[in-house]
Amino acid sequence: MGTIVCQHCNSTIGHIEVEKVTTLYGKCDHHDCSKENKQVVEVK
């Protein structure tokens, strides 16, 4: 199971089905966070 987390406010954006435990960082819809692009920028 993977989790998509906002890199700005650390809120959970969603979950994805993967074999390993994964965290992806992107931007959520919060007005401070959505000022920038919503694409995923880092995979750990």
C-alpha atoms as a PDB file:
ATOM      1  CA  MET A   1       0.000   0.000   0.000  1.00  0.00           C
ATOM      2  CA  GLY A   2       1.286   3.451  -0.841  1.00  0.00           C
ATOM      3  CA  THR A   3       0.303   6.838   0.498  1.00  0.00           C
ATOM      4  CA  ILE A   4       0.325  10.173  -1.327  1.00  0.00           C
ATOM      5  CA  VAL A   5       1.184  13.006   1.077  1.00  0.00           C
ATOM      6  CA  CYS A   6       1.178  16.768   0.526  1.00  0.00           C
ATOM      7  CA  GLN A   7       4.766  17.997   0.701  1.00  0.00           C
ATOM      8  CA  HIS A   8       3.595  21.375   2.003  1.00  0.00           C
ATOM      9  CA  CYS A   9       1.119  20.540   4.791  1.00  0.00           C
ATOM     10  CA  ASN A  10       1.715  16.757   5.258  1.00  0.00           C
ATOM     11  CA  SER A  11      -1.978  15.903   4.801  1.00  0.00           C
ATOM     12  CA  THR A  12      -2.857  12.586   3.157  1.00  0.00           C
ATOM     13  CA  ILE A  13      -4.003  13.107  -0.439  1.00  0.00           C
ATOM     14  CA  GLY A  14      -4.753   9.479  -1.278  1.00  0.00           C
ATOM     15  CA  HIS A  15      -3.639   5.861  -1.375  1.00  0.00           C
ATOM     16  CA  ILE A  16      -2.281   3.648  -4.166  1.00  0.00           C
ATOM     17  CA  GLU A  17      -1.958  -0.110  -4.558  1.00  0.00           C
ATOM     18  CA  VAL A  18       1.703  -1.148  -4.748  1.00  0.00           C
ATOM     19  CA  GLU A  19       3.615  -4.155  -3.417  1.00  0.00           C
ATOM     20  CA  LYS A  20       5.980  -2.152  -1.197  1.00  0.00           C
ATOM     21  CA  VAL A  21       5.170   0.466   1.420  1.00  0.00           C
ATOM     22  CA  THR A  22       5.680   3.702  -0.498  1.00  0.00           C
ATOM     23  CA  THR A  23       5.281   7.418   0.187  1.00  0.00           C
ATOM     24  CA  LEU A  24       4.779   9.830  -2.720  1.00  0.00           C
ATOM     25  CA  TYR A  25       4.872  13.599  -2.237  1.00  0.00           C
ATOM     26  CA  GLY A  26       2.661  16.022  -4.173  1.00  0.00           C
ATOM     27  CA  LYS A  27       0.422  19.034  -3.584  1.00  0.00           C
ATOM     28  CA  CYS A  28      -3.112  18.937  -2.136  1.00  0.00           C
ATOM     29  CA  ASP A  29      -6.091  21.194  -3.027  1.00  0.00           C
ATOM     30  CA  HIS A  30      -5.617  23.490  -0.019  1.00  0.00           C
ATOM     31  CA  HIS A  31      -5.307  27.058  -1.333  1.00  0.00           C
ATOM     32  CA  ASP A  32      -1.723  27.481  -0.018  1.00  0.00           C
ATOM     33  CA  CYS A  33      -0.657  24.174  -1.563  1.00  0.00           C
ATOM     34  CA  SER A  34      -2.483  24.433  -4.894  1.00  0.00           C
ATOM     35  CA  LYS A  35      -0.608  27.574  -5.941  1.00  0.00           C
ATOM     36  CA  GLU A  36       2.013  25.297  -7.479  1.00  0.00           C
ATOM     37  CA  ASN A  37       1.824  22.327  -9.821  1.00  0.00           C
ATOM     38  CA  LYS A  38       0.056  19.180  -8.495  1.00  0.00           C
ATOM     39  CA  GLN A  39       2.476  16.664  -9.974  1.00  0.00           C
ATOM     40  CA  VAL A  40       4.266  14.162  -7.751  1.00  0.00           C
ATOM     41  CA  VAL A  41       7.809  15.342  -7.161  1.00  0.00           C
ATOM     42  CA  GLU A  42       9.526  12.765  -4.951  1.00  0.00           C
ATOM     43  CA  VAL A  43       9.346   8.997  -4.387  1.00  0.00           C
ATOM     44  CA  LYS A  44      10.771   7.420  -1.238  1.00  0.00           C
END
